[in-house]
N, C-alpha and C. Protein backbone atom coordinates (compact mmCIF):
# COMPACT_ATOMS: atom_id res chain seq x y z
N UNK A 1 142.70 57.92 163.56
CA UNK A 1 143.09 56.69 162.89
C UNK A 1 144.60 56.50 163.04
N UNK A 2 145.05 55.27 163.03
CA UNK A 2 146.47 54.95 163.17
C UNK A 2 147.10 54.96 161.77
N UNK A 3 148.04 55.85 161.53
CA UNK A 3 148.66 55.98 160.21
C UNK A 3 149.78 54.97 159.99
N UNK A 4 150.55 54.71 161.06
CA UNK A 4 151.63 53.73 160.94
C UNK A 4 152.03 53.25 162.33
N UNK A 5 152.75 52.13 162.34
CA UNK A 5 153.30 51.58 163.58
C UNK A 5 154.79 51.37 163.35
N UNK A 6 155.59 51.70 164.37
CA UNK A 6 157.03 51.50 164.26
C UNK A 6 157.47 50.78 165.53
N UNK A 7 157.96 49.56 165.38
CA UNK A 7 158.33 48.82 166.57
C UNK A 7 159.04 47.52 166.27
N UNK A 8 159.10 46.67 167.30
CA UNK A 8 159.81 45.39 167.23
C UNK A 8 158.87 44.30 166.75
N UNK A 9 159.35 43.48 165.84
CA UNK A 9 158.54 42.36 165.34
C UNK A 9 158.62 41.21 166.34
N UNK A 10 157.55 41.03 167.11
CA UNK A 10 157.50 39.98 168.12
C UNK A 10 157.12 38.64 167.49
N UNK A 11 156.32 38.69 166.42
CA UNK A 11 155.90 37.49 165.68
C UNK A 11 155.84 37.87 164.22
N UNK A 12 156.34 36.97 163.37
CA UNK A 12 156.36 37.27 161.94
C UNK A 12 155.95 36.02 161.17
N UNK A 13 154.80 36.07 160.48
CA UNK A 13 154.35 34.97 159.62
C UNK A 13 154.04 35.56 158.24
N UNK A 14 153.84 34.73 157.23
CA UNK A 14 153.55 35.27 155.90
C UNK A 14 152.25 36.07 155.80
N UNK A 15 151.34 35.91 156.76
CA UNK A 15 150.07 36.61 156.65
C UNK A 15 149.80 37.60 157.78
N UNK A 16 150.61 37.52 158.87
CA UNK A 16 150.34 38.39 159.99
C UNK A 16 151.58 38.58 160.85
N UNK A 17 151.68 39.77 161.44
CA UNK A 17 152.79 40.04 162.37
C UNK A 17 152.22 40.60 163.66
N UNK A 18 153.00 40.45 164.73
CA UNK A 18 152.72 41.13 165.98
C UNK A 18 153.82 42.17 166.12
N UNK A 19 153.43 43.42 166.19
CA UNK A 19 154.39 44.52 166.27
C UNK A 19 154.32 45.11 167.67
N UNK A 20 155.43 45.03 168.41
CA UNK A 20 155.52 45.55 169.77
C UNK A 20 155.95 47.01 169.68
N UNK A 21 155.02 47.91 170.02
CA UNK A 21 155.31 49.35 170.01
C UNK A 21 155.25 49.83 171.46
N UNK A 22 156.43 50.03 172.03
CA UNK A 22 156.54 50.49 173.42
C UNK A 22 155.73 49.63 174.40
N UNK A 23 155.82 48.33 174.24
CA UNK A 23 155.16 47.41 175.17
C UNK A 23 153.73 47.06 174.82
N UNK A 24 153.18 47.65 173.75
CA UNK A 24 151.83 47.32 173.32
C UNK A 24 151.95 46.49 172.03
N UNK A 25 151.34 45.30 172.03
CA UNK A 25 151.43 44.42 170.88
C UNK A 25 150.25 44.60 169.94
N UNK A 26 150.54 44.93 168.69
CA UNK A 26 149.50 45.09 167.67
C UNK A 26 149.53 43.91 166.72
N UNK A 27 148.35 43.32 166.47
CA UNK A 27 148.24 42.26 165.47
C UNK A 27 147.94 42.93 164.13
N UNK A 28 148.81 42.72 163.16
CA UNK A 28 148.69 43.39 161.88
C UNK A 28 148.70 42.34 160.76
N UNK A 29 147.66 42.36 159.94
CA UNK A 29 147.58 41.45 158.80
C UNK A 29 148.38 42.04 157.64
N UNK A 30 149.17 41.20 156.98
CA UNK A 30 150.03 41.67 155.90
C UNK A 30 149.87 40.81 154.66
N UNK A 31 150.33 41.32 153.53
CA UNK A 31 150.36 40.55 152.28
C UNK A 31 151.71 39.85 152.17
N UNK A 32 151.81 38.92 151.24
CA UNK A 32 153.09 38.27 151.00
C UNK A 32 154.12 39.27 150.48
N UNK A 33 153.65 40.32 149.80
CA UNK A 33 154.55 41.36 149.30
C UNK A 33 155.25 42.04 150.48
N UNK A 34 154.48 42.45 151.49
CA UNK A 34 155.07 43.08 152.67
C UNK A 34 155.95 42.09 153.42
N UNK A 35 155.50 40.86 153.55
CA UNK A 35 156.28 39.83 154.25
C UNK A 35 157.65 39.67 153.61
N UNK A 36 157.71 39.68 152.28
CA UNK A 36 159.01 39.53 151.60
C UNK A 36 159.91 40.74 151.87
N UNK A 37 159.32 41.91 152.10
CA UNK A 37 160.09 43.12 152.35
C UNK A 37 160.68 43.17 153.76
N UNK A 38 160.03 42.50 154.72
CA UNK A 38 160.48 42.60 156.12
C UNK A 38 161.35 41.42 156.55
N UNK A 39 161.70 40.55 155.62
CA UNK A 39 162.58 39.43 155.96
C UNK A 39 163.91 39.96 156.48
N UNK A 40 164.41 39.36 157.52
CA UNK A 40 165.69 39.77 158.08
C UNK A 40 165.62 40.99 159.00
N UNK A 41 164.43 41.55 159.18
CA UNK A 41 164.29 42.72 160.05
C UNK A 41 163.79 42.30 161.43
N UNK A 42 164.32 42.95 162.47
CA UNK A 42 163.81 42.75 163.83
C UNK A 42 162.86 43.87 164.22
N UNK A 43 163.10 45.05 163.64
CA UNK A 43 162.25 46.22 163.85
C UNK A 43 161.80 46.73 162.50
N UNK A 44 160.60 47.26 162.42
CA UNK A 44 160.16 47.84 161.15
C UNK A 44 159.03 48.84 161.37
N UNK A 45 158.80 49.61 160.33
CA UNK A 45 157.69 50.56 160.32
C UNK A 45 156.70 50.07 159.27
N UNK A 46 155.44 49.92 159.66
CA UNK A 46 154.40 49.52 158.72
C UNK A 46 153.34 50.61 158.66
N UNK A 47 153.00 51.02 157.44
CA UNK A 47 151.86 51.91 157.24
C UNK A 47 150.62 51.07 157.49
N UNK A 48 149.58 51.67 158.01
CA UNK A 48 148.43 50.85 158.42
C UNK A 48 147.09 51.35 157.87
N UNK A 49 146.15 50.43 157.91
CA UNK A 49 144.76 50.73 157.62
C UNK A 49 143.94 49.89 158.60
N UNK A 50 143.03 50.52 159.32
CA UNK A 50 142.17 49.79 160.26
C UNK A 50 140.81 49.59 159.61
N UNK A 51 140.45 48.32 159.43
CA UNK A 51 139.19 47.95 158.79
C UNK A 51 138.18 47.68 159.90
N UNK A 52 137.14 48.50 159.97
CA UNK A 52 136.15 48.40 161.05
C UNK A 52 134.85 47.83 160.51
N UNK A 53 134.44 46.71 161.12
CA UNK A 53 133.15 46.10 160.81
C UNK A 53 132.39 45.96 162.13
N UNK A 54 131.12 45.58 162.04
CA UNK A 54 130.31 45.44 163.26
C UNK A 54 130.93 44.45 164.24
N UNK A 55 131.47 43.36 163.71
CA UNK A 55 131.94 42.29 164.58
C UNK A 55 133.46 42.22 164.75
N UNK A 56 134.22 43.12 164.11
CA UNK A 56 135.67 43.04 164.23
C UNK A 56 136.36 44.33 163.79
N UNK A 57 137.49 44.59 164.40
CA UNK A 57 138.39 45.65 163.98
C UNK A 57 139.68 44.95 163.56
N UNK A 58 140.05 45.08 162.30
CA UNK A 58 141.23 44.39 161.77
C UNK A 58 142.21 45.41 161.23
N UNK A 59 143.48 45.27 161.62
CA UNK A 59 144.50 46.18 161.13
C UNK A 59 145.32 45.51 160.04
N UNK A 60 145.51 46.23 158.94
CA UNK A 60 146.34 45.76 157.83
C UNK A 60 147.58 46.63 157.77
N UNK A 61 148.72 46.00 157.49
CA UNK A 61 149.98 46.72 157.43
C UNK A 61 150.64 46.61 156.07
N UNK A 62 151.36 47.66 155.70
CA UNK A 62 151.99 47.75 154.38
C UNK A 62 153.38 48.32 154.52
N UNK A 63 154.33 47.70 153.84
CA UNK A 63 155.71 48.18 153.90
C UNK A 63 155.89 49.47 153.12
N UNK A 64 155.10 49.62 152.02
CA UNK A 64 155.26 50.81 151.18
C UNK A 64 153.93 51.56 151.04
N UNK A 65 154.06 52.85 150.76
CA UNK A 65 152.88 53.68 150.53
C UNK A 65 152.16 53.24 149.26
N UNK A 66 152.93 52.80 148.25
CA UNK A 66 152.32 52.35 146.99
C UNK A 66 151.38 51.18 147.23
N UNK A 67 151.81 50.23 148.08
CA UNK A 67 150.96 49.07 148.36
C UNK A 67 149.71 49.50 149.11
N UNK A 68 149.84 50.39 150.10
CA UNK A 68 148.67 50.84 150.84
C UNK A 68 147.69 51.57 149.93
N UNK A 69 148.22 52.40 149.03
CA UNK A 69 147.37 53.14 148.10
C UNK A 69 146.57 52.20 147.21
N UNK A 70 147.23 51.17 146.66
CA UNK A 70 146.53 50.20 145.81
C UNK A 70 145.47 49.45 146.62
N UNK A 71 145.82 49.07 147.85
CA UNK A 71 144.87 48.38 148.74
C UNK A 71 143.62 49.23 148.95
N UNK A 72 143.81 50.51 149.28
CA UNK A 72 142.67 51.40 149.53
C UNK A 72 141.83 51.59 148.27
N UNK A 73 142.48 51.67 147.12
CA UNK A 73 141.72 51.79 145.87
C UNK A 73 140.91 50.52 145.62
N UNK A 74 141.52 49.36 145.86
CA UNK A 74 140.82 48.09 145.62
C UNK A 74 139.59 47.95 146.52
N UNK A 75 139.73 48.28 147.81
CA UNK A 75 138.57 48.09 148.70
C UNK A 75 137.48 49.13 148.46
N UNK A 76 137.77 50.14 147.66
CA UNK A 76 136.73 51.12 147.31
C UNK A 76 135.78 50.56 146.24
N UNK A 77 136.18 49.46 145.61
CA UNK A 77 135.37 48.83 144.56
C UNK A 77 134.29 47.97 145.20
N UNK A 78 133.07 48.14 144.75
CA UNK A 78 131.95 47.36 145.26
C UNK A 78 132.23 45.86 145.06
N UNK A 79 132.12 45.09 146.13
CA UNK A 79 132.32 43.65 146.03
C UNK A 79 133.75 43.20 146.30
N UNK A 80 134.68 44.14 146.50
CA UNK A 80 136.06 43.78 146.82
C UNK A 80 136.31 44.16 148.28
N UNK A 81 136.46 43.15 149.11
CA UNK A 81 136.70 43.39 150.52
C UNK A 81 138.19 43.44 150.84
N UNK A 82 138.48 43.70 152.11
CA UNK A 82 139.87 43.80 152.55
C UNK A 82 140.62 42.48 152.35
N UNK A 83 139.96 41.37 152.61
CA UNK A 83 140.62 40.07 152.45
C UNK A 83 140.97 39.81 150.97
N UNK A 84 140.07 40.15 150.08
CA UNK A 84 140.32 39.97 148.64
C UNK A 84 141.45 40.88 148.18
N UNK A 85 141.45 42.12 148.65
CA UNK A 85 142.52 43.06 148.28
C UNK A 85 143.87 42.54 148.75
N UNK A 86 143.90 41.96 149.95
CA UNK A 86 145.16 41.42 150.48
C UNK A 86 145.62 40.23 149.65
N UNK A 87 144.69 39.38 149.22
CA UNK A 87 145.04 38.25 148.36
C UNK A 87 145.61 38.75 147.04
N UNK A 88 145.01 39.81 146.49
CA UNK A 88 145.52 40.37 145.23
C UNK A 88 146.95 40.87 145.40
N UNK A 89 147.22 41.54 146.53
CA UNK A 89 148.57 42.07 146.76
C UNK A 89 149.55 40.99 147.21
N UNK A 90 149.04 39.81 147.52
CA UNK A 90 149.92 38.67 147.80
C UNK A 90 150.26 37.94 146.50
N UNK A 91 149.35 38.02 145.53
CA UNK A 91 149.56 37.33 144.25
C UNK A 91 150.32 38.18 143.25
N UNK A 92 150.11 39.49 143.29
CA UNK A 92 150.72 40.42 142.34
C UNK A 92 151.41 41.56 143.08
N UNK A 93 152.47 42.10 142.50
CA UNK A 93 153.12 43.29 143.05
C UNK A 93 152.15 44.46 142.90
N UNK A 94 152.22 45.48 143.76
CA UNK A 94 151.32 46.64 143.62
C UNK A 94 151.37 47.27 142.23
N UNK A 95 152.59 47.39 141.66
CA UNK A 95 152.69 47.99 140.33
C UNK A 95 152.10 47.10 139.24
N UNK A 96 152.09 45.76 139.47
CA UNK A 96 151.46 44.86 138.51
C UNK A 96 149.94 44.99 138.55
N UNK A 97 149.39 45.19 139.74
CA UNK A 97 147.95 45.42 139.86
C UNK A 97 147.57 46.70 139.12
N UNK A 98 148.36 47.76 139.35
CA UNK A 98 148.09 49.03 138.66
C UNK A 98 148.19 48.86 137.15
N UNK A 99 149.24 48.20 136.71
CA UNK A 99 149.44 48.01 135.27
C UNK A 99 148.28 47.22 134.65
N UNK A 100 147.85 46.17 135.34
CA UNK A 100 146.74 45.35 134.83
C UNK A 100 145.47 46.19 134.69
N UNK A 101 145.22 47.05 135.66
CA UNK A 101 144.03 47.90 135.62
C UNK A 101 144.15 48.96 134.53
N UNK A 102 145.28 49.64 134.47
CA UNK A 102 145.47 50.70 133.48
C UNK A 102 145.45 50.17 132.05
N UNK A 103 145.89 48.92 131.87
CA UNK A 103 145.93 48.35 130.52
C UNK A 103 144.74 47.43 130.26
N UNK A 104 143.79 47.43 131.20
CA UNK A 104 142.57 46.63 131.06
C UNK A 104 142.87 45.16 130.82
N UNK A 105 143.85 44.64 131.56
CA UNK A 105 144.25 43.24 131.43
C UNK A 105 143.45 42.39 132.41
N UNK A 106 142.24 42.03 131.98
CA UNK A 106 141.34 41.25 132.84
C UNK A 106 141.93 39.90 133.21
N UNK A 107 142.61 39.26 132.26
CA UNK A 107 143.16 37.91 132.49
C UNK A 107 144.15 37.91 133.64
N UNK A 108 144.96 38.96 133.73
CA UNK A 108 145.94 39.04 134.82
C UNK A 108 145.23 39.12 136.17
N UNK A 109 144.16 39.90 136.25
CA UNK A 109 143.40 40.02 137.49
C UNK A 109 142.66 38.73 137.81
N UNK A 110 142.14 38.07 136.77
CA UNK A 110 141.41 36.82 136.98
C UNK A 110 142.33 35.70 137.45
N UNK A 111 143.64 35.87 137.27
CA UNK A 111 144.61 34.88 137.74
C UNK A 111 144.72 34.84 139.25
N UNK A 112 144.13 35.82 139.92
CA UNK A 112 144.16 35.89 141.38
C UNK A 112 142.99 35.08 141.93
N UNK A 113 143.27 34.25 142.93
CA UNK A 113 142.24 33.41 143.55
C UNK A 113 141.10 34.30 144.08
N UNK A 114 139.87 33.96 143.69
CA UNK A 114 138.70 34.69 144.16
C UNK A 114 138.25 35.84 143.26
N UNK A 115 139.01 36.10 142.20
CA UNK A 115 138.64 37.17 141.26
C UNK A 115 138.12 36.53 139.98
N UNK A 116 136.84 36.71 139.73
CA UNK A 116 136.24 36.19 138.51
C UNK A 116 136.17 37.27 137.44
N UNK A 117 135.60 36.92 136.31
CA UNK A 117 135.52 37.86 135.18
C UNK A 117 134.74 39.12 135.53
N UNK A 118 133.59 38.96 136.23
CA UNK A 118 132.77 40.12 136.58
C UNK A 118 133.52 41.08 137.51
N UNK A 119 134.18 40.50 138.51
CA UNK A 119 134.91 41.34 139.46
C UNK A 119 136.08 42.04 138.78
N UNK A 120 136.80 41.33 137.92
CA UNK A 120 137.92 41.92 137.20
C UNK A 120 137.45 43.11 136.36
N UNK A 121 136.32 42.92 135.66
CA UNK A 121 135.76 44.01 134.85
C UNK A 121 135.37 45.21 135.73
N UNK A 122 134.74 44.92 136.87
CA UNK A 122 134.32 45.99 137.77
C UNK A 122 135.52 46.75 138.32
N UNK A 123 136.57 46.03 138.71
CA UNK A 123 137.78 46.67 139.23
C UNK A 123 138.35 47.62 138.18
N UNK A 124 138.46 47.14 136.95
CA UNK A 124 139.01 47.98 135.86
C UNK A 124 138.12 49.19 135.62
N UNK A 125 136.82 48.95 135.52
CA UNK A 125 135.87 50.03 135.25
C UNK A 125 135.92 51.12 136.31
N UNK A 126 135.95 50.70 137.59
CA UNK A 126 135.89 51.67 138.68
C UNK A 126 137.23 52.33 139.01
N UNK A 127 138.35 51.66 138.68
CA UNK A 127 139.64 52.19 139.13
C UNK A 127 140.54 52.77 138.04
N UNK A 128 140.26 52.46 136.78
CA UNK A 128 141.19 52.90 135.73
C UNK A 128 141.42 54.40 135.74
N UNK A 129 140.35 55.19 135.75
CA UNK A 129 140.49 56.65 135.74
C UNK A 129 141.13 57.17 137.03
N UNK A 130 140.74 56.58 138.18
CA UNK A 130 141.32 57.00 139.46
C UNK A 130 142.83 56.76 139.48
N UNK A 131 143.23 55.58 139.01
CA UNK A 131 144.65 55.24 139.02
C UNK A 131 145.44 56.11 138.05
N UNK A 132 144.84 56.39 136.90
CA UNK A 132 145.51 57.24 135.92
C UNK A 132 145.72 58.63 136.51
N UNK A 133 144.69 59.17 137.16
CA UNK A 133 144.77 60.49 137.79
C UNK A 133 145.80 60.49 138.91
N UNK A 134 145.75 59.45 139.77
CA UNK A 134 146.69 59.35 140.89
C UNK A 134 148.13 59.27 140.37
N UNK A 135 148.33 58.48 139.34
CA UNK A 135 149.68 58.30 138.79
C UNK A 135 150.20 59.64 138.24
N UNK A 136 149.34 60.38 137.54
CA UNK A 136 149.75 61.69 137.01
C UNK A 136 150.10 62.64 138.14
N UNK A 137 149.29 62.63 139.21
CA UNK A 137 149.55 63.50 140.36
C UNK A 137 150.89 63.17 141.00
N UNK A 138 151.16 61.87 141.16
CA UNK A 138 152.41 61.44 141.78
C UNK A 138 153.60 61.87 140.93
N UNK A 139 153.49 61.71 139.61
CA UNK A 139 154.59 62.10 138.72
C UNK A 139 154.84 63.60 138.81
N UNK A 140 153.78 64.39 138.87
CA UNK A 140 153.94 65.85 138.93
C UNK A 140 154.47 66.31 140.29
N UNK A 141 154.07 65.65 141.38
CA UNK A 141 154.47 66.10 142.70
C UNK A 141 155.85 65.61 143.13
N UNK A 142 156.29 64.50 142.57
CA UNK A 142 157.50 63.88 143.06
C UNK A 142 158.73 64.31 142.27
N UNK A 143 159.77 64.68 142.99
CA UNK A 143 161.01 65.06 142.32
C UNK A 143 161.91 63.85 142.13
N UNK A 144 161.85 62.92 143.05
CA UNK A 144 162.74 61.77 142.99
C UNK A 144 161.95 60.51 143.31
N UNK A 145 161.30 59.94 142.31
CA UNK A 145 160.50 58.75 142.53
C UNK A 145 161.25 57.52 142.05
N UNK A 146 160.81 56.36 142.54
CA UNK A 146 161.34 55.10 142.01
C UNK A 146 160.53 54.80 140.75
N UNK A 147 161.09 55.14 139.61
CA UNK A 147 160.36 54.97 138.35
C UNK A 147 160.17 53.51 138.02
N UNK A 148 159.02 53.22 137.46
CA UNK A 148 158.79 51.88 136.98
C UNK A 148 159.42 51.77 135.60
N UNK A 149 159.54 50.57 135.13
CA UNK A 149 160.11 50.35 133.79
C UNK A 149 159.28 51.10 132.74
N UNK A 150 157.96 51.16 132.97
CA UNK A 150 157.07 51.85 132.04
C UNK A 150 157.39 53.35 132.00
N UNK A 151 157.60 53.94 133.17
CA UNK A 151 157.94 55.37 133.23
C UNK A 151 159.29 55.65 132.58
N UNK A 152 160.26 54.77 132.84
CA UNK A 152 161.59 54.95 132.25
C UNK A 152 161.52 54.86 130.73
N UNK A 153 160.74 53.89 130.23
CA UNK A 153 160.60 53.73 128.78
C UNK A 153 159.92 54.97 128.19
N UNK A 154 158.89 55.47 128.87
CA UNK A 154 158.18 56.66 128.39
C UNK A 154 159.12 57.86 128.32
N UNK A 155 159.91 58.05 129.37
CA UNK A 155 160.87 59.16 129.39
C UNK A 155 161.89 59.04 128.25
N UNK A 156 162.34 57.81 128.00
CA UNK A 156 163.31 57.58 126.93
C UNK A 156 162.70 57.92 125.56
N UNK A 157 161.47 57.48 125.32
CA UNK A 157 160.81 57.73 124.04
C UNK A 157 160.54 59.22 123.84
N UNK A 158 160.14 59.91 124.90
CA UNK A 158 159.89 61.35 124.81
C UNK A 158 161.21 62.08 124.51
N UNK A 159 162.30 61.63 125.14
CA UNK A 159 163.62 62.21 124.89
C UNK A 159 164.04 62.02 123.43
N UNK A 160 163.58 60.91 122.83
CA UNK A 160 163.88 60.64 121.42
C UNK A 160 163.02 61.49 120.48
N UNK A 161 162.12 62.29 121.04
CA UNK A 161 161.33 63.21 120.21
C UNK A 161 159.94 62.71 119.86
N UNK A 162 159.52 61.64 120.50
CA UNK A 162 158.19 61.08 120.22
C UNK A 162 157.18 61.76 121.15
N UNK A 163 156.03 62.11 120.63
CA UNK A 163 154.98 62.77 121.42
C UNK A 163 154.59 61.86 122.59
N UNK A 164 154.37 62.46 123.76
CA UNK A 164 154.10 61.71 124.98
C UNK A 164 152.91 60.76 124.83
N UNK A 165 151.80 61.26 124.29
CA UNK A 165 150.61 60.39 124.17
C UNK A 165 150.84 59.24 123.20
N UNK A 166 151.58 59.50 122.12
CA UNK A 166 151.90 58.43 121.14
C UNK A 166 152.79 57.38 121.80
N UNK A 167 153.79 57.85 122.56
CA UNK A 167 154.71 56.93 123.25
C UNK A 167 153.96 56.08 124.28
N UNK A 168 153.05 56.72 125.04
CA UNK A 168 152.26 55.98 126.04
C UNK A 168 151.44 54.87 125.39
N UNK A 169 150.80 55.20 124.26
CA UNK A 169 149.98 54.20 123.56
C UNK A 169 150.83 53.04 123.06
N UNK A 170 152.02 53.34 122.54
CA UNK A 170 152.91 52.29 122.03
C UNK A 170 153.35 51.37 123.17
N UNK A 171 153.71 51.96 124.31
CA UNK A 171 154.13 51.16 125.48
C UNK A 171 152.98 50.30 125.97
N UNK A 172 151.77 50.86 126.01
CA UNK A 172 150.62 50.10 126.48
C UNK A 172 150.31 48.92 125.55
N UNK A 173 150.47 49.13 124.23
CA UNK A 173 150.24 48.02 123.29
C UNK A 173 151.22 46.89 123.54
N UNK A 174 152.48 47.22 123.79
CA UNK A 174 153.50 46.20 124.04
C UNK A 174 153.20 45.46 125.35
N UNK A 175 152.90 46.22 126.41
CA UNK A 175 152.67 45.59 127.72
C UNK A 175 151.35 44.82 127.78
N UNK A 176 150.41 45.17 126.90
CA UNK A 176 149.15 44.42 126.85
C UNK A 176 149.39 43.02 126.29
N UNK A 177 150.29 42.94 125.30
CA UNK A 177 150.60 41.62 124.72
C UNK A 177 151.66 40.88 125.53
N UNK A 178 152.53 41.62 126.24
CA UNK A 178 153.59 41.00 127.04
C UNK A 178 153.62 41.62 128.44
N UNK A 179 152.62 41.32 129.31
CA UNK A 179 152.54 41.97 130.62
C UNK A 179 153.72 41.68 131.55
N UNK A 180 154.43 40.58 131.32
CA UNK A 180 155.55 40.22 132.20
C UNK A 180 156.88 40.80 131.75
N UNK A 181 156.88 41.55 130.66
CA UNK A 181 158.11 42.15 130.14
C UNK A 181 158.72 43.08 131.19
N UNK A 182 159.97 42.82 131.58
CA UNK A 182 160.58 43.65 132.62
C UNK A 182 161.98 44.14 132.28
N UNK A 183 162.32 44.16 131.00
CA UNK A 183 163.61 44.69 130.57
C UNK A 183 163.38 46.02 129.85
N UNK A 184 164.00 47.07 130.35
CA UNK A 184 163.80 48.41 129.82
C UNK A 184 164.16 48.50 128.34
N UNK A 185 165.33 48.00 127.99
CA UNK A 185 165.78 48.09 126.59
C UNK A 185 164.82 47.39 125.64
N UNK A 186 164.36 46.20 126.04
CA UNK A 186 163.42 45.44 125.19
C UNK A 186 162.10 46.19 125.05
N UNK A 187 161.63 46.80 126.14
CA UNK A 187 160.38 47.55 126.09
C UNK A 187 160.50 48.76 125.16
N UNK A 188 161.61 49.45 125.23
CA UNK A 188 161.82 50.63 124.37
C UNK A 188 161.85 50.20 122.90
N UNK A 189 162.61 49.16 122.60
CA UNK A 189 162.73 48.69 121.21
C UNK A 189 161.37 48.25 120.66
N UNK A 190 160.64 47.47 121.44
CA UNK A 190 159.34 46.97 120.98
C UNK A 190 158.34 48.11 120.84
N UNK A 191 158.43 49.11 121.73
CA UNK A 191 157.53 50.27 121.64
C UNK A 191 157.83 51.08 120.38
N UNK A 192 159.10 51.20 120.04
CA UNK A 192 159.48 51.92 118.82
C UNK A 192 158.89 51.24 117.58
N UNK A 193 158.84 49.89 117.62
CA UNK A 193 158.26 49.15 116.49
C UNK A 193 156.75 49.30 116.44
N UNK A 194 156.14 49.65 117.59
CA UNK A 194 154.67 49.78 117.66
C UNK A 194 154.17 51.20 117.41
N UNK A 195 155.07 52.10 117.03
CA UNK A 195 154.65 53.49 116.77
C UNK A 195 153.84 53.61 115.51
């Protein structure tokens, strides 16, 4: 399987790129998230996933490992295909998809074109435990990660002497009512009030 491609961007559109790797042109489907990351680049490295069906082989590209991981988790859900997963990652940031699933925020998922109530419920049901486990593994294995605001808030609350599980629950209650909250200080203060 092809793990990644590193080459010259011969064509760049919001949904697909042609990546020239040593004279071979690869057509790679991308999300708007990846497209926003490669603006201004002439050369780039994209992590890949090759989707094989009876009638087509389609390659999807991702600027970050986090996006590819979320994509692979989404397509593992019954009824969620590669095209739907790409639409989700074009509508929401990878960390927003994870947060919506972990906090069981069906409305956020239903805001994506093509995702109805049944599909949103199924995605949450099938992925919540997997994502929680994956997130814990990443935190334990990584020495220097790009922490999300949620992780930073959790670390701050634990440093203040609050039990980890209690702090996690307080943060989740705040983010469930305010999923778009993106200020660390505000999240910490509101979580403290929710203890």
